[in-house]
Protein backbone atom coordinates (compact mmCIF):
# COMPACT_ATOMS: atom_id res chain seq x y z
CA MET A 1 0.00 0.00 0.00
CA GLY A 2 1.36 3.41 -0.97
CA TYR A 3 1.50 6.77 0.77
CA GLU A 4 -1.85 8.08 -0.48
CA GLU A 5 -3.71 4.85 0.37
CA LEU A 6 -2.17 4.72 3.84
CA ALA A 7 -3.01 8.38 4.42
CA GLU A 8 -6.62 7.56 3.53
CA VAL A 9 -6.66 4.61 5.96
CA LEU A 10 -5.38 6.89 8.73
CA SER A 11 -7.94 9.55 7.85
CA ARG A 12 -10.80 7.01 8.02
CA ALA A 13 -9.55 5.93 11.45
CA GLY A 14 -9.81 9.54 12.60
CA THR A 15 -6.16 10.20 13.35
CA GLU A 16 -4.40 13.40 12.38
CA ALA A 17 -1.06 11.58 12.17
CA GLU A 18 0.83 12.23 8.93
CA MET A 19 2.11 9.14 7.15
CA ALA A 20 5.49 10.60 6.12
CA GLU A 21 6.20 11.67 9.71
CA LEU A 22 5.08 8.29 11.05
CA HIS A 23 7.33 6.45 8.61
CA GLY A 24 10.31 8.58 9.59
CA SER A 25 9.61 7.78 13.23
CA LEU A 26 9.30 4.08 12.41
CA CYS A 27 12.65 3.98 10.59
CA ALA A 28 14.35 5.59 13.59
CA ARG A 29 12.63 3.34 16.11
CA LEU A 30 13.59 0.24 14.11
CA SER A 31 17.19 1.47 13.92
CA LEU A 32 17.42 1.64 17.71
CA CYS A 33 14.76 -0.69 19.11
CA GLY A 34 14.56 -3.32 16.38
CA GLU A 35 11.33 -5.22 15.86
CA THR A 36 10.20 -4.34 19.38
CA ALA A 37 9.43 -0.84 18.10
CA LEU A 38 5.98 -1.88 16.89
CA ALA A 39 3.93 -1.38 20.08
CA GLY A 40 5.21 2.12 20.84
CA TRP A 41 4.95 3.20 17.22
CA LEU A 42 1.36 1.96 16.88
CA SER A 43 0.40 3.73 20.11
CA GLU A 44 1.86 6.95 18.71
CA ALA A 45 0.23 6.52 15.31
CA LEU A 46 -3.23 5.67 16.63
CA ALA A 47 -3.30 7.89 19.72
CA GLY A 48 -6.80 9.17 20.39
CA VAL A 49 -8.46 6.76 17.93
CA ASP A 50 -11.41 4.67 19.13
CA ALA A 51 -9.92 1.19 19.42
CA ASP A 52 -13.32 -0.49 19.04
CA GLY A 53 -14.01 0.54 15.46
CA ALA A 54 -13.35 -1.27 12.20
CA ALA A 55 -11.39 1.73 10.91
CA TRP A 56 -8.98 1.39 13.85
CA ALA A 57 -8.52 -2.31 13.10
CA ASP A 58 -7.85 -1.55 9.43
CA ALA A 59 -5.34 1.16 10.30
CA ARG A 60 -3.60 -1.07 12.84
CA ARG A 61 -3.35 -3.93 10.34
CA GLU A 62 -1.96 -1.72 7.56
CA LEU A 63 0.51 -0.01 9.87
CA ALA A 64 1.70 -3.38 11.20
CA ALA A 65 2.32 -4.41 7.57
CA VAL A 66 4.34 -1.21 7.01
CA HIS A 67 6.35 -2.01 10.15
CA GLN A 68 7.11 -5.54 8.98
CA ALA A 69 8.00 -4.52 5.42
CA THR A 70 10.25 -1.69 6.61
CA TRP A 71 12.00 -3.95 9.12
CA ALA A 72 12.61 -6.61 6.45
CA THR A 73 14.05 -4.04 4.04
CA LEU A 74 16.34 -2.56 6.69
CA VAL A 75 17.62 -5.99 7.71
CA GLU A 76 18.33 -6.83 4.06
CA GLY A 77 20.38 -3.64 3.89
CA ASP A 78 19.86 -2.96 0.20
CA MET A 79 18.59 0.15 -1.53
CA ALA A 80 15.07 -1.29 -1.78
CA LEU A 81 14.01 0.87 1.18
CA ALA A 82 11.24 3.17 0.00
CA LEU A 83 10.41 6.21 2.09
CA LEU A 84 6.68 6.71 2.45
CA LEU A 85 6.29 10.02 0.66
CA PRO A 86 3.74 11.38 -1.84
CA THR A 87 4.13 10.13 -5.39
CA ASP A 88 5.94 12.23 -7.99
CA SER A 89 2.56 13.29 -9.40
CA ALA A 90 1.89 15.31 -6.22
CA PRO A 91 2.84 19.00 -6.29
CA LEU A 92 6.47 19.58 -5.38
CA GLU A 93 5.44 21.81 -2.49
CA ALA A 94 3.51 18.89 -0.93
CA ARG A 95 6.40 16.47 -1.51
CA VAL A 96 8.94 18.84 0.07
CA GLY A 97 6.62 19.36 3.04
CA ALA A 98 6.27 15.59 3.46
CA LEU A 99 10.06 15.21 3.25
CA ALA A 100 10.45 17.75 6.05
CA LEU A 101 7.84 15.87 8.12
CA TRP A 102 9.60 12.55 7.45
CA SER A 103 12.83 14.08 8.77
CA GLN A 104 11.05 15.45 11.85
CA GLY A 105 9.54 12.02 12.40
CA PHE A 106 12.93 10.35 12.27
CA LEU A 107 14.30 12.74 14.87
CA HIS A 108 11.22 12.19 17.04
CA GLY A 109 11.62 8.42 16.73
CA LEU A 110 15.23 8.64 17.86
CA ALA A 111 14.19 10.73 20.86
CA SER A 112 11.41 8.23 21.68
CA CYS A 113 14.01 5.46 21.88
CA GLY A 114 16.32 7.55 24.05
CA VAL A 115 19.05 8.08 21.48
CA PRO A 116 22.11 9.82 22.83
CA ALA A 117 23.00 13.30 21.58
CA PRO A 118 25.08 13.37 18.39
CA GLU A 119 28.26 14.05 20.37
CA GLN A 120 27.66 10.94 22.49
CA LEU A 121 26.94 8.84 19.42
CA ARG A 122 30.31 9.87 18.03
CA ALA A 123 32.38 9.59 21.19
CA ALA A 124 30.84 6.70 23.11
CA HIS A 125 29.39 4.58 20.34
CA GLY A 126 31.57 5.30 17.31
CA ALA A 127 28.47 6.17 15.30
CA ALA A 128 29.85 9.18 13.45
CA HIS A 129 27.60 8.78 10.42
CA ALA A 130 24.42 8.45 12.50
CA ALA A 131 25.41 11.55 14.46
CA GLU A 132 26.03 13.56 11.29
CA PHE A 133 22.79 12.24 9.79
CA MET A 134 20.88 13.51 12.83
CA GLU A 135 22.40 16.95 12.39
CA ASP A 136 21.53 16.96 8.67
CA LEU A 137 17.95 15.94 9.45
CA VAL A 138 17.50 19.03 11.60
CA GLU A 139 18.24 21.14 8.51
CA ILE A 140 16.12 19.01 6.16
CA SER A 141 13.19 19.19 8.58
CA ARG A 142 13.08 22.93 7.84
CA ALA A 143 12.84 22.42 4.08
CA GLY A 144 10.37 24.48 2.11
CA PHE A 145 9.58 25.33 -1.50
CA GLU A 146 8.29 28.47 -3.18
CA ALA A 147 5.16 27.46 -5.07
CA ASP A 148 5.53 30.37 -7.51
CA ALA A 149 9.02 29.31 -8.70
CA ASP A 150 9.74 29.74 -12.41
CA GLU A 151 10.41 26.77 -14.70
CA VAL A 152 14.19 26.78 -14.20
CA GLN A 153 13.80 27.00 -10.42
CA GLN A 154 11.19 24.23 -10.57
CA GLU A 155 13.55 21.89 -12.46
CA SER A 156 16.37 22.67 -10.07
CA ALA A 157 14.07 22.06 -7.10
CA GLU A 158 12.90 18.72 -8.56
CA ALA A 159 16.52 17.60 -8.91
CA ALA A 160 17.33 18.74 -5.36
CA TYR A 161 14.27 16.92 -4.03
CA ALA A 162 15.29 13.66 -5.74
CA GLU A 163 18.81 14.00 -4.30
CA LEU A 164 17.43 14.56 -0.80
CA VAL A 165 15.22 11.47 -1.02
CA GLU A 166 18.25 9.38 -2.03
CA PHE A 167 20.33 10.99 0.70
CA LEU A 168 17.71 10.08 3.32
CA ARG A 169 17.36 6.53 2.06
CA ALA A 170 21.13 5.95 2.16
CA GLY A 171 21.39 7.72 5.52
CA VAL A 172 18.78 5.46 7.09
CA LEU A 173 20.47 2.31 5.82
CA ILE A 174 23.93 3.37 6.97
CA SER A 175 22.59 4.52 10.34
CA PHE A 176 20.73 1.23 10.79
CA GLU A 177 23.96 -0.67 10.25
CA GLU A 178 26.00 1.68 12.43
CA LEU A 179 23.51 1.50 15.33
CA GLU A 180 23.49 -2.31 15.45
CA ALA A 181 25.32 -2.46 18.79
CA LEU A 182 22.89 -0.02 20.41
CA ARG A 183 19.95 -1.92 18.93
CA ALA A 184 21.31 -5.23 20.24
CA ALA A 185 21.58 -3.74 23.72
CA VAL A 186 17.86 -2.94 23.88
CA THR A 187 16.47 -5.87 21.89
CA PRO A 188 15.88 -9.00 23.93
CA GLU A 189 17.56 -12.12 22.59
CA ARG A 190 15.22 -14.64 21.10
CA PRO A 191 15.55 -18.17 22.45
CA ALA A 192 17.26 -20.62 20.12
CA PRO A 193 14.80 -22.91 18.32
CA SER A 194 14.33 -26.33 19.89
CA PRO A 195 16.12 -29.17 18.10
C-alpha cells in the first residue's frame, strides 16, 4: 500500500497523524529498538483513535504491515528501502513538506528510543555517520519550497528533491547498520529454536 492509500486509511480511522512523519519515526525506532518498536509506534500513530471501530482495526493492520515490510528491508540492507512520501505526481510543495515531516519524524523516533545526543553517538558509540545524519535531518526538517518558482527554479528544485530522497534513504540504511550495537543492547535475545 502506498503513501496516499495509507493516508486515507489513517484519515478514516480519525487520526491526524501524517504518514510521512510516522514512517520517519518508524525507521528511527527500528534502527534503535529493532522489531520491538511496533507497540510504541502503533500507540503513537493511533493515539486518540477509538480502538473499538473497524477503521482502527484496518489502520492497525496496515501499519503493522508497514512495520514488517520496513524492518525486512532494513535488515536486508539494500537500496530497496522506500520512504513513504507522496508520489511524484503530487505538487512539489507537498512532496517537500512531506520530506520535512519525514525528517522530523525520524528525529522524534530517535528521541522516543532515548538516542544519545550526536556528540555521544560519536564519542561513546563510534556512530559518526548516524550523528552527522541527525544533524543533517535538523536542517532538512526545515525544508520548504516556493510554489511560484519559475520553470528553471522548478527543475532545479525537482533535482534537489530527488537527491534529498536518495540521501535520506542511504542515511537510514547506513545509520541502521552503524547502530546495530545499540539496537542489540535494547532488543531481547530470542531463544534458540528447539532441536
